[in-house]
C-alpha atoms as a PDB file:
ATOM      1  CA  MET A   1      28.107  31.509  -7.634  1.00  0.00           C
ATOM      2  CA  GLN A   2      27.880  28.548  -5.396  1.00  0.00           C
ATOM      3  CA  ARG A   3      28.522  25.218  -7.315  1.00  0.00           C
ATOM      4  CA  LYS A   4      25.352  22.447  -6.646  1.00  0.00           C
ATOM      5  CA  ARG A   5      26.858  19.533  -5.390  1.00  0.00           C
ATOM      6  CA  THR A   6      24.763  16.420  -5.005  1.00  0.00           C
ATOM      7  CA  GLN A   7      23.664  16.917  -1.826  1.00  0.00           C
ATOM      8  CA  ASN A   8      21.450  20.828  -3.004  1.00  0.00           C
ATOM      9  CA  ARG A   9      20.321  19.183  -6.225  1.00  0.00           C
ATOM     10  CA  VAL A  10      18.838  16.214  -3.983  1.00  0.00           C
ATOM     11  CA  SER A  11      17.225  18.455  -0.943  1.00  0.00           C
ATOM     12  CA  GLU A  12      16.114  20.835  -3.613  1.00  0.00           C
ATOM     13  CA  SER A  13      14.525  18.363  -6.293  1.00  0.00           C
ATOM     14  CA  ARG A  14      10.524  18.553  -6.264  1.00  0.00           C
ATOM     15  CA  ILE A  15      10.305  14.770  -6.307  1.00  0.00           C
ATOM     16  CA  ALA A  16      13.035  14.318  -3.446  1.00  0.00           C
ATOM     17  CA  LEU A  17       9.365  13.308  -1.290  1.00  0.00           C
ATOM     18  CA  PRO A  18       7.403  11.344  -3.400  1.00  0.00           C
ATOM     19  CA  LEU A  19      10.062   9.024  -4.024  1.00  0.00           C
ATOM     20  CA  THR A  20      11.615   8.585  -0.880  1.00  0.00           C
ATOM     21  CA  GLY A  21       7.745   7.662  -0.221  1.00  0.00           C
ATOM     22  CA  LEU A  22       7.713   5.130  -3.066  1.00  0.00           C
ATOM     23  CA  TYR A  23      10.436   4.179  -1.367  1.00  0.00           C
ATOM     24  CA  ALA A  24       9.624   3.641   2.078  1.00  0.00           C
ATOM     25  CA  ILE A  25       6.297   1.707   0.933  1.00  0.00           C
ATOM     26  CA  GLY A  26       8.468  -0.194  -1.025  1.00  0.00           C
ATOM     27  CA  VAL A  27      10.766  -1.157   2.298  1.00  0.00           C
ATOM     28  CA  CYS A  28       7.548  -1.873   4.134  1.00  0.00           C
ATOM     29  CA  LEU A  29       6.289  -4.144   1.554  1.00  0.00           C
ATOM     30  CA  ALA A  30       9.340  -5.851   0.931  1.00  0.00           C
ATOM     31  CA  SER A  31       9.723  -6.775   4.723  1.00  0.00           C
ATOM     32  CA  GLY A  32       6.690  -8.189   4.315  1.00  0.00           C
ATOM     33  CA  LEU A  33       4.510  -5.739   5.914  1.00  0.00           C
ATOM     34  CA  SER A  34       1.141  -6.694   3.889  1.00  0.00           C
ATOM     35  CA  HIS A  35      -0.974  -7.309   5.991  1.00  0.00           C
ATOM     36  CA  GLY A  36      -4.071  -5.938   8.458  1.00  0.00           C
ATOM     37  CA  GLU A  37      -3.057  -4.105  10.870  1.00  0.00           C
ATOM     38  CA  GLN A  38       0.694  -3.411   9.219  1.00  0.00           C
ATOM     39  CA  LEU A  39      -1.084  -1.668   6.449  1.00  0.00           C
ATOM     40  CA  ILE A  40      -2.583   0.751   8.581  1.00  0.00           C
ATOM     41  CA  SER A  41       0.660   0.986  10.465  1.00  0.00           C
ATOM     42  CA  ILE A  42       2.053   1.911   6.683  1.00  0.00           C
ATOM     43  CA  ALA A  43      -0.751   4.120   6.095  1.00  0.00           C
ATOM     44  CA  LEU A  44      -0.100   6.502   9.136  1.00  0.00           C
ATOM     45  CA  LEU A  45       3.743   6.341   8.527  1.00  0.00           C
ATOM     46  CA  MET A  46       2.839   8.400   4.955  1.00  0.00           C
ATOM     47  CA  MET A  47       0.295  10.296   7.429  1.00  0.00           C
ATOM     48  CA  SER A  48       2.797  11.313   9.695  1.00  0.00           C
ATOM     49  CA  ALA A  49       5.810  12.418   6.506  1.00  0.00           C
ATOM     50  CA  MET A  50       2.811  14.692   4.920  1.00  0.00           C
ATOM     51  CA  LEU A  51       2.340  15.973   8.667  1.00  0.00           C
ATOM     52  CA  ILE A  52       6.680  16.562   8.831  1.00  0.00           C
ATOM     53  CA  ALA A  53       6.222  18.777   5.872  1.00  0.00           C
ATOM     54  CA  TRP A  54       3.689  20.447   6.877  1.00  0.00           C
ATOM     55  CA  LEU A  55       5.198  21.284   9.891  1.00  0.00           C
ATOM     56  CA  ASN A  56       8.415  22.367   7.825  1.00  0.00           C
ATOM     57  CA  ASN A  57       6.424  24.526   5.195  1.00  0.00           C
ATOM     58  CA  ALA A  58       4.004  25.942   8.501  1.00  0.00           C
ATOM     59  CA  ASN A  59       7.344  27.398   9.705  1.00  0.00           C
ATOM     60  CA  ALA A  60       9.749  27.778   7.323  1.00  0.00           C
ATOM     61  CA  LEU A  61      12.295  25.634   9.212  1.00  0.00           C
ATOM     62  CA  ILE A  62      14.507  25.320   5.424  1.00  0.00           C
ATOM     63  CA  ARG A  63      15.144  28.504   4.309  1.00  0.00           C
ATOM     64  CA  ILE A  64      15.000  27.420   0.616  1.00  0.00           C
ATOM     65  CA  TYR A  65      12.874  25.329  -0.968  1.00  0.00           C
ATOM     66  CA  SER A  66      13.270  21.562   0.972  1.00  0.00           C
ATOM     67  CA  ARG A  67      11.631  19.020   1.379  1.00  0.00           C
ATOM     68  CA  MET A  68      14.693  16.896   3.244  1.00  0.00           C
ATOM     69  CA  VAL A  69      12.468  17.279   6.596  1.00  0.00           C
ATOM     70  CA  SER A  70      10.247  14.689   5.219  1.00  0.00           C
ATOM     71  CA  CYS A  71      12.807  13.117   3.405  1.00  0.00           C
ATOM     72  CA  ALA A  72      14.995  12.031   6.073  1.00  0.00           C
ATOM     73  CA  PHE A  73      11.763  11.142   8.581  1.00  0.00           C
ATOM     74  CA  LEU A  74      10.983   8.316   6.440  1.00  0.00           C
ATOM     75  CA  LEU A  75      14.101   7.711   5.649  1.00  0.00           C
ATOM     76  CA  LEU A  76      15.155   7.017   9.172  1.00  0.00           C
ATOM     77  CA  SER A  77      11.536   5.697  10.004  1.00  0.00           C
ATOM     78  CA  THR A  78      12.047   2.550   7.732  1.00  0.00           C
ATOM     79  CA  MET A  79      15.599   2.007   8.623  1.00  0.00           C
ATOM     80  CA  ALA A  80      13.814   1.421  12.185  1.00  0.00           C
ATOM     81  CA  ILE A  81      11.499  -0.790  10.059  1.00  0.00           C
ATOM     82  CA  PHE A  82      11.114  -2.804  13.683  1.00  0.00           C
ATOM     83  CA  LEU A  83       8.888  -0.136  14.717  1.00  0.00           C
ATOM     84  CA  VAL A  84       6.503  -0.136  11.881  1.00  0.00           C
ATOM     85  CA  PRO A  85       4.317  -2.856  12.540  1.00  0.00           C
ATOM     86  CA  SER A  86       3.074  -1.263  15.196  1.00  0.00           C
ATOM     87  CA  TRP A  87       0.294   0.995  14.516  1.00  0.00           C
ATOM     88  CA  GLN A  88      -0.045   2.290  17.865  1.00  0.00           C
ATOM     89  CA  GLY A  89       3.493   3.364  17.869  1.00  0.00           C
ATOM     90  CA  GLU A  90       2.888   4.877  14.531  1.00  0.00           C
ATOM     91  CA  LEU A  91      -0.280   7.016  15.704  1.00  0.00           C
ATOM     92  CA  ALA A  92       1.707   7.977  18.573  1.00  0.00           C
ATOM     93  CA  GLY A  93       3.963   9.038  16.350  1.00  0.00           C
ATOM     94  CA  ALA A  94       1.893  11.506  14.450  1.00  0.00           C
ATOM     95  CA  LEU A  95      -0.420  13.034  17.378  1.00  0.00           C
ATOM     96  CA  THR A  96       3.496  13.867  18.034  1.00  0.00           C
ATOM     97  CA  ILE A  97       3.494  16.100  15.032  1.00  0.00           C
ATOM     98  CA  LEU A  98       0.546  17.345  15.251  1.00  0.00           C
ATOM     99  CA  SER A  99       0.945  18.626  18.890  1.00  0.00           C
ATOM    100  CA  LEU A 100       4.016  20.547  17.413  1.00  0.00           C
ATOM    101  CA  ILE A 101       2.438  21.534  14.561  1.00  0.00           C
ATOM    102  CA  PHE A 102      -0.304  23.249  16.687  1.00  0.00           C
ATOM    103  CA  LEU A 103       2.471  24.134  19.265  1.00  0.00           C
ATOM    104  CA  PHE A 104       4.742  26.227  17.076  1.00  0.00           C
ATOM    105  CA  ASN A 105       2.021  28.432  15.809  1.00  0.00           C
ATOM    106  CA  ALA A 106       1.677  29.727  19.372  1.00  0.00           C
ATOM    107  CA  TYR A 107       4.777  31.234  18.369  1.00  0.00           C
ATOM    108  CA  GLN A 108       4.632  34.424  20.748  1.00  0.00           C
ATOM    109  CA  ASP A 109       0.896  34.929  20.665  1.00  0.00           C
ATOM    110  CA  LYS A 110      -0.476  35.739  24.432  1.00  0.00           C
ATOM    111  CA  ARG A 111      -3.976  34.984  22.678  1.00  0.00           C
ATOM    112  CA  ALA A 112      -3.457  31.060  21.206  1.00  0.00           C
ATOM    113  CA  SER A 113      -4.969  29.366  23.891  1.00  0.00           C
ATOM    114  CA  GLY A 114      -6.723  27.110  21.846  1.00  0.00           C
ATOM    115  CA  LEU A 115      -3.431  26.173  20.162  1.00  0.00           C
ATOM    116  CA  ILE A 116      -1.844  25.425  23.262  1.00  0.00           C
ATOM    117  CA  PHE A 117      -5.115  23.443  24.041  1.00  0.00           C
ATOM    118  CA  TYR A 118      -4.993  21.401  20.732  1.00  0.00           C
ATOM    119  CA  SER A 119      -1.648  20.750  21.038  1.00  0.00           C
ATOM    120  CA  PHE A 120      -1.546  19.135  24.592  1.00  0.00           C
ATOM    121  CA  ALA A 121      -4.487  17.019  23.743  1.00  0.00           C
ATOM    122  CA  ALA A 122      -3.202  15.675  20.604  1.00  0.00           C
ATOM    123  CA  LEU A 123      -0.382  15.196  23.183  1.00  0.00           C
ATOM    124  CA  SER A 124      -2.846  13.300  25.685  1.00  0.00           C
ATOM    125  CA  THR A 125      -3.688  11.457  23.223  1.00  0.00           C
ATOM    126  CA  ALA A 126      -1.012  10.131  22.353  1.00  0.00           C
ATOM    127  CA  SER A 127      -0.181   9.373  25.912  1.00  0.00           C
ATOM    128  CA  ILE A 128      -2.955   6.438  26.009  1.00  0.00           C
ATOM    129  CA  PHE A 129      -0.508   4.384  23.693  1.00  0.00           C
ATOM    130  CA  PHE A 130       2.720   5.853  25.432  1.00  0.00           C
ATOM    131  CA  VAL A 131       1.925   7.088  28.735  1.00  0.00           C
ATOM    132  CA  GLN A 132       5.019   7.627  29.641  1.00  0.00           C
ATOM    133  CA  ILE A 133       4.907  10.596  27.358  1.00  0.00           C
ATOM    134  CA  LEU A 134       3.324  13.133  29.923  1.00  0.00           C
ATOM    135  CA  TYR A 135       6.872  13.029  31.434  1.00  0.00           C
ATOM    136  CA  PHE A 136       7.269  16.130  28.538  1.00  0.00           C
ATOM    137  CA  VAL A 137       5.153  17.937  29.278  1.00  0.00           C
ATOM    138  CA  PRO A 138       7.254  20.237  32.147  1.00  0.00           C
ATOM    139  CA  LEU A 139       9.528  20.128  29.745  1.00  0.00           C
ATOM    140  CA  LEU A 140       7.168  21.425  26.557  1.00  0.00           C
ATOM    141  CA  TRP A 141       5.878  24.195  29.644  1.00  0.00           C
ATOM    142  CA  ILE A 142       9.610  25.384  29.934  1.00  0.00           C
ATOM    143  CA  LEU A 143       9.966  25.440  26.011  1.00  0.00           C
ATOM    144  CA  LEU A 144       6.636  27.008  25.441  1.00  0.00           C
ATOM    145  CA  MET A 145       8.022  30.129  28.352  1.00  0.00           C
ATOM    146  CA  MET A 146      11.953  30.218  26.563  1.00  0.00           C
ATOM    147  CA  ASN A 147      11.755  29.554  23.521  1.00  0.00           C
ATOM    148  CA  LEU A 148       8.101  30.316  21.999  1.00  0.00           C
ATOM    149  CA  MET A 149       7.543  32.852  24.086  1.00  0.00           C
ATOM    150  CA  ALA A 150       3.759  32.124  24.498  1.00  0.00           C
ATOM    151  CA  MET A 151       3.319  30.811  28.370  1.00  0.00           C
ATOM    152  CA  THR A 152       0.858  32.701  30.211  1.00  0.00           C
ATOM    153  CA  PHE A 153      -1.638  31.831  33.117  1.00  0.00           C
ATOM    154  CA  ARG A 154      -4.361  30.857  30.398  1.00  0.00           C
ATOM    155  CA  HIS A 155      -2.153  28.979  28.256  1.00  0.00           C
ATOM    156  CA  PHE A 156      -1.086  26.812  31.325  1.00  0.00           C
ATOM    157  CA  ILE A 157      -4.441  25.832  32.019  1.00  0.00           C
ATOM    158  CA  ALA A 158      -5.124  25.351  28.430  1.00  0.00           C
ATOM    159  CA  SER A 159      -2.404  22.748  28.647  1.00  0.00           C
ATOM    160  CA  ILE A 160      -3.918  21.060  31.728  1.00  0.00           C
ATOM    161  CA  LEU A 161      -7.547  20.695  30.021  1.00  0.00           C
ATOM    162  CA  GLY A 162      -5.923  19.568  26.668  1.00  0.00           C
ATOM    163  CA  ILE A 163      -4.088  16.440  28.541  1.00  0.00           C
ATOM    164  CA  LEU A 164      -7.296  15.743  30.961  1.00  0.00           C
ATOM    165  CA  ALA A 165      -9.374  16.387  27.646  1.00  0.00           C
ATOM    166  CA  PRO A 166      -9.451  12.399  25.925  1.00  0.00           C
ATOM    167  CA  TYR A 167      -9.697  10.917  29.603  1.00  0.00           C
ATOM    168  CA  TRP A 168     -12.664  12.620  30.144  1.00  0.00           C
ATOM    169  CA  PHE A 169     -13.751  10.480  27.889  1.00  0.00           C
ATOM    170  CA  ILE A 170     -12.267   7.389  28.244  1.00  0.00           C
ATOM    171  CA  GLY A 171     -13.156   7.670  31.996  1.00  0.00           C
ATOM    172  CA  GLY A 172     -16.408   7.716  31.109  1.00  0.00           C
ATOM    173  CA  TYR A 173     -16.402   5.108  28.868  1.00  0.00           C
ATOM    174  CA  TYR A 174     -14.712   2.670  31.561  1.00  0.00           C
ATOM    175  CA  ALA A 175     -17.260   4.529  33.874  1.00  0.00           C
ATOM    176  CA  TYR A 176     -20.038   3.145  31.754  1.00  0.00           C
ATOM    177  CA  LEU A 177     -18.640  -0.313  31.674  1.00  0.00           C
ATOM    178  CA  GLY A 178     -17.929  -0.788  35.503  1.00  0.00           C
ATOM    179  CA  GLY A 179     -14.092  -0.714  35.133  1.00  0.00           C
ATOM    180  CA  ALA A 180     -13.317   2.616  36.162  1.00  0.00           C
ATOM    181  CA  GLU A 181     -10.395   1.285  37.935  1.00  0.00           C
ATOM    182  CA  MET A 182      -8.090   0.508  34.686  1.00  0.00           C
ATOM    183  CA  LEU A 183      -8.321   4.663  33.848  1.00  0.00           C
ATOM    184  CA  VAL A 184      -6.274   4.114  37.153  1.00  0.00           C
ATOM    185  CA  GLU A 185      -3.883   1.346  36.065  1.00  0.00           C
ATOM    186  CA  HIS A 186      -3.520   3.426  32.557  1.00  0.00           C
ATOM    187  CA  PHE A 187      -1.690   5.899  34.867  1.00  0.00           C
ATOM    188  CA  ILE A 188       0.362   3.728  37.378  1.00  0.00           C
ATOM    189  CA  PRO A 189       3.932   2.965  35.147  1.00  0.00           C
ATOM    190  CA  LEU A 190       4.422   6.585  35.430  1.00  0.00           C
ATOM    191  CA  ILE A 191       5.662   6.074  38.918  1.00  0.00           C
ATOM    192  CA  GLU A 192       7.242   2.749  38.247  1.00  0.00           C
ATOM    193  CA  PHE A 193      11.218   3.183  37.823  1.00  0.00           C
ATOM    194  CA  SER A 194      12.228  -0.758  38.334  1.00  0.00           C
ATOM    195  CA  ASN A 195      13.622  -1.355  35.323  1.00  0.00           C
ATOM    196  CA  THR A 196      15.772   1.747  34.671  1.00  0.00           C
ATOM    197  CA  PHE A 197      19.198   1.152  33.077  1.00  0.00           C
ATOM    198  CA  ASP A 198      17.947  -2.363  31.891  1.00  0.00           C
ATOM    199  CA  TYR A 199      19.717  -3.316  28.650  1.00  0.00           C
ATOM    200  CA  GLN A 200      19.104  -6.973  28.388  1.00  0.00           C
ATOM    201  CA  GLY A 201      16.067  -6.936  26.035  1.00  0.00           C
ATOM    202  CA  ILE A 202      17.779  -4.141  23.597  1.00  0.00           C
ATOM    203  CA  THR A 203      18.740  -6.055  20.517  1.00  0.00           C
ATOM    204  CA  ASP A 204      22.560  -5.228  18.509  1.00  0.00           C
ATOM    205  CA  GLN A 205      19.866  -3.985  15.495  1.00  0.00           C
ATOM    206  CA  GLN A 206      18.567  -1.660  18.475  1.00  0.00           C
ATOM    207  CA  ILE A 207      21.558  -0.587  19.232  1.00  0.00           C
ATOM    208  CA  ILE A 208      23.107   0.618  15.926  1.00  0.00           C
ATOM    209  CA  THR A 209      20.001   2.132  14.996  1.00  0.00           C
ATOM    210  CA  PHE A 210      19.620   4.351  17.894  1.00  0.00           C
ATOM    211  CA  ALA A 211      23.548   5.348  17.453  1.00  0.00           C
ATOM    212  CA  PHE A 212      22.842   6.478  14.088  1.00  0.00           C
ATOM    213  CA  VAL A 213      19.866   8.902  14.373  1.00  0.00           C
ATOM    214  CA  VAL A 214      22.103   9.928  18.132  1.00  0.00           C
ATOM    215  CA  LEU A 215      25.144  10.662  15.588  1.00  0.00           C
ATOM    216  CA  LEU A 216      22.486  12.455  13.224  1.00  0.00           C
ATOM    217  CA  SER A 217      20.859  14.565  15.809  1.00  0.00           C
ATOM    218  CA  ILE A 218      24.437  15.329  17.324  1.00  0.00           C
ATOM    219  CA  THR A 219      25.903  16.045  13.321  1.00  0.00           C
ATOM    220  CA  GLY A 220      22.970  18.591  12.926  1.00  0.00           C
ATOM    221  CA  ALA A 221      22.667  20.183  15.861  1.00  0.00           C
ATOM    222  CA  VAL A 222      26.018  21.093  15.864  1.00  0.00           C
ATOM    223  CA  HIS A 223      25.875  22.909  12.419  1.00  0.00           C
ATOM    224  CA  PHE A 224      22.597  24.494  13.069  1.00  0.00           C
ATOM    225  CA  ILE A 225      24.551  25.847  16.332  1.00  0.00           C
ATOM    226  CA  ARG A 226      27.510  26.774  14.480  1.00  0.00           C
ATOM    227  CA  THR A 227      25.401  28.348  11.162  1.00  0.00           C
ATOM    228  CA  SER A 228      22.396  29.528  13.153  1.00  0.00           C
ATOM    229  CA  TYR A 229      22.984  33.295  12.444  1.00  0.00           C
ATOM    230  CA  LYS A 230      22.181  32.556   9.043  1.00  0.00           C
ATOM    231  CA  ASP A 231      18.419  31.745  10.120  1.00  0.00           C
ATOM    232  CA  LYS A 232      15.364  34.165  11.455  1.00  0.00           C
ATOM    233  CA  ILE A 233      15.327  34.049  14.921  1.00  0.00           C
ATOM    234  CA  ARG A 234      11.977  32.353  14.773  1.00  0.00           C
ATOM    235  CA  VAL A 235      13.512  29.470  13.181  1.00  0.00           C
ATOM    236  CA  ARG A 236      16.823  29.875  15.764  1.00  0.00           C
ATOM    237  CA  MET A 237      14.207  28.911  18.335  1.00  0.00           C
ATOM    238  CA  LEU A 238      12.337  26.584  16.947  1.00  0.00           C
ATOM    239  CA  PHE A 239      15.870  24.686  16.562  1.00  0.00           C
ATOM    240  CA  ASP A 240      16.384  25.186  20.169  1.00  0.00           C
ATOM    241  CA  PHE A 241      13.243  23.309  20.622  1.00  0.00           C
ATOM    242  CA  PHE A 242      14.227  20.064  18.401  1.00  0.00           C
ATOM    243  CA  ILE A 243      17.878  20.266  20.088  1.00  0.00           C
ATOM    244  CA  VAL A 244      16.356  20.147  23.544  1.00  0.00           C
ATOM    245  CA  MET A 245      13.941  17.661  22.906  1.00  0.00           C
ATOM    246  CA  SER A 246      16.807  15.249  21.187  1.00  0.00           C
ATOM    247  CA  ILE A 247      18.299  15.600  23.991  1.00  0.00           C
ATOM    248  CA  ALA A 248      16.042  15.275  26.559  1.00  0.00           C
ATOM    249  CA  THR A 249      14.987  12.062  24.458  1.00  0.00           C
ATOM    250  CA  THR A 250      18.112  10.516  24.352  1.00  0.00           C
ATOM    251  CA  ALA A 251      18.637  10.375  27.982  1.00  0.00           C
ATOM    252  CA  PHE A 252      15.178   8.949  28.159  1.00  0.00           C
ATOM    253  CA  ILE A 253      16.153   5.981  26.331  1.00  0.00           C
ATOM    254  CA  VAL A 254      19.403   5.757  27.975  1.00  0.00           C
ATOM    255  CA  ILE A 255      17.786   5.630  31.337  1.00  0.00           C
ATOM    256  CA  GLU A 256      14.737   3.580  30.714  1.00  0.00           C
ATOM    257  CA  PRO A 257      15.467   1.306  27.774  1.00  0.00           C
ATOM    258  CA  GLN A 258      12.354  -0.376  28.056  1.00  0.00           C
ATOM    259  CA  HIS A 259      10.239   2.179  26.354  1.00  0.00           C
ATOM    260  CA  PHE A 260      12.966   1.942  23.386  1.00  0.00           C
ATOM    261  CA  ASP A 261      10.371   1.688  20.860  1.00  0.00           C
ATOM    262  CA  TYR A 262       8.069   4.849  21.248  1.00  0.00           C
ATOM    263  CA  LEU A 263      11.142   7.175  22.266  1.00  0.00           C
ATOM    264  CA  LEU A 264      13.319   6.515  18.950  1.00  0.00           C
ATOM    265  CA  ARG A 265       9.871   7.718  17.081  1.00  0.00           C
ATOM    266  CA  MET A 266       9.809  10.690  19.051  1.00  0.00           C
ATOM    267  CA  LEU A 267      13.806  10.721  18.226  1.00  0.00           C
ATOM    268  CA  ILE A 268      13.741  10.554  14.733  1.00  0.00           C
ATOM    269  CA  ILE A 269      10.641  13.109  14.384  1.00  0.00           C
ATOM    270  CA  PHE A 270      12.963  16.031  16.753  1.00  0.00           C
ATOM    271  CA  THR A 271      16.379  14.635  14.323  1.00  0.00           C
ATOM    272  CA  SER A 272      14.513  14.890  10.902  1.00  0.00           C
ATOM    273  CA  PRO A 273      14.568  19.003  11.477  1.00  0.00           C
ATOM    274  CA  LEU A 274      18.126  18.720  12.153  1.00  0.00           C
ATOM    275  CA  ILE A 275      19.524  16.517   9.500  1.00  0.00           C
ATOM    276  CA  GLY A 276      17.473  17.748   6.881  1.00  0.00           C
ATOM    277  CA  HIS A 277      18.844  21.902   7.645  1.00  0.00           C
ATOM    278  CA  PHE A 278      22.504  20.063   7.691  1.00  0.00           C
ATOM    279  CA  ILE A 279      21.332  18.429   4.008  1.00  0.00           C
ATOM    280  CA  SER A 280      20.000  21.238   2.343  1.00  0.00           C
ATOM    281  CA  LEU A 281      21.939  24.283   3.669  1.00  0.00           C
ATOM    282  CA  THR A 282      25.348  23.073   3.240  1.00  0.00           C
ATOM    283  CA  ASN A 283      27.950  22.785   0.010  1.00  0.00           C
ATOM    284  CA  THR A 284      31.340  21.708   0.530  1.00  0.00           C
ATOM    285  CA  LYS A 285      33.274  18.702  -0.211  1.00  0.00           C
ATOM    286  CA  VAL A 286      33.314  17.720   3.234  1.00  0.00           C
ATOM    287  CA  THR A 287      29.374  17.903   3.620  1.00  0.00           C
ATOM    288  CA  ASN A 288      28.687  16.237   0.614  1.00  0.00           C
ATOM    289  CA  ILE A 289      31.314  13.312   1.057  1.00  0.00           C
ATOM    290  CA  ALA A 290      29.122  13.377   4.561  1.00  0.00           C
ATOM    291  CA  PHE A 291      25.711  13.060   2.414  1.00  0.00           C
ATOM    292  CA  TYR A 292      27.037  10.129   0.363  1.00  0.00           C
ATOM    293  CA  ALA A 293      28.093   8.357   3.545  1.00  0.00           C
ATOM    294  CA  ILE A 294      24.508   9.397   5.320  1.00  0.00           C
ATOM    295  CA  ILE A 295      22.764   7.593   2.611  1.00  0.00           C
ATOM    296  CA  ILE A 296      24.810   4.422   2.640  1.00  0.00           C
ATOM    297  CA  ILE A 297      25.194   3.729   6.040  1.00  0.00           C
ATOM    298  CA  THR A 298      21.129   4.356   6.325  1.00  0.00           C
ATOM    299  CA  LEU A 299      20.231   2.025   3.411  1.00  0.00           C
ATOM    300  CA  ALA A 300      23.020  -0.514   4.933  1.00  0.00           C
ATOM    301  CA  ILE A 301      21.428  -0.649   8.485  1.00  0.00           C
ATOM    302  CA  THR A 302      18.148  -0.791   6.804  1.00  0.00           C
ATOM    303  CA  VAL A 303      18.965  -3.623   5.053  1.00  0.00           C
ATOM    304  CA  PHE A 304      20.403  -5.348   8.402  1.00  0.00           C
ATOM    305  CA  ASN A 305      17.798  -4.510  10.320  1.00  0.00           C
ATOM    306  CA  ILE A 306      15.001  -5.947   7.908  1.00  0.00           C
ATOM    307  CA  PHE A 307      17.160  -9.709   7.679  1.00  0.00           C
ATOM    308  CA  PHE A 308      18.177  -9.582  11.426  1.00  0.00           C
ATOM    309  CA  THR A 309      15.115  -8.477  13.356  1.00  0.00           C
ATOM    310  CA  PRO A 310      12.911 -10.963  14.437  1.00  0.00           C
ATOM    311  CA  THR A 311       9.489  -8.918  14.096  1.00  0.00           C
ATOM    312  CA  VAL A 312      10.190  -8.391  10.214  1.00  0.00           C
ATOM    313  CA  ILE A 313       8.215 -11.006   8.571  1.00  0.00           C
ATOM    314  CA  PHE A 314       8.957 -12.712   5.115  1.00  0.00           C
END
């Protein structure tokens, strides 16, 4: 019988998620995020954590009882405390997770047109706040075919209709107001690439936070690739999905850093299952030390971001 180390006891604890939730709320409030729209952002962050837990439970991402995926999401989200004040960004993140929930439920289901529609409708709703998220649609089609094995012509049409659905309502609203050109202006940034590789607006806090999240993503991805034979085929396909999306999101941040805040939220979403799997399902002295290091570095970056990020209010 393997000895349970600290990382295993924490990852399997039933109070880990509630305590992490209280920690996240405490960090937000201690950072001065306690007024008006900021409280909405905190509520949306908690909702995202619950959606991540739902995603984990519905797909059995971790083959033991563990809430580490949600805990990792909350820790990394509050580490990037400069993201939290934007309720639009938090809502876009929650909609992205909801889109994944619908999409994963369509795994190998050739009759899941409704789920595909809802998934892409949720993603399209997120694009109202961050239109560049639509760049991921072709990649999602490929992953729907290769990893989820659920792409059919009907599903392709359902995805198109899902993307269009939110804009039918918005377009009608703008037409009623007599300003339909505003809808066209919303999509213009999709063909503008004037600020690629422009890092002048990126702060030290953003660079440090991004680098650490990427390091965790790589750590989780390497661990999963080495041990994927222990998981079911469905779980392997879903984690391959997370790995591909993490790589694509990282590349997107490097190419267009002006969208850093929205994209870092997405990277945290895709990284949380990877590092949660690593912490929950490893059991060596080295990985236990790595667990302590991850916690210490996460807390250190959190403190650094709180005290040195201008957007955080005291």
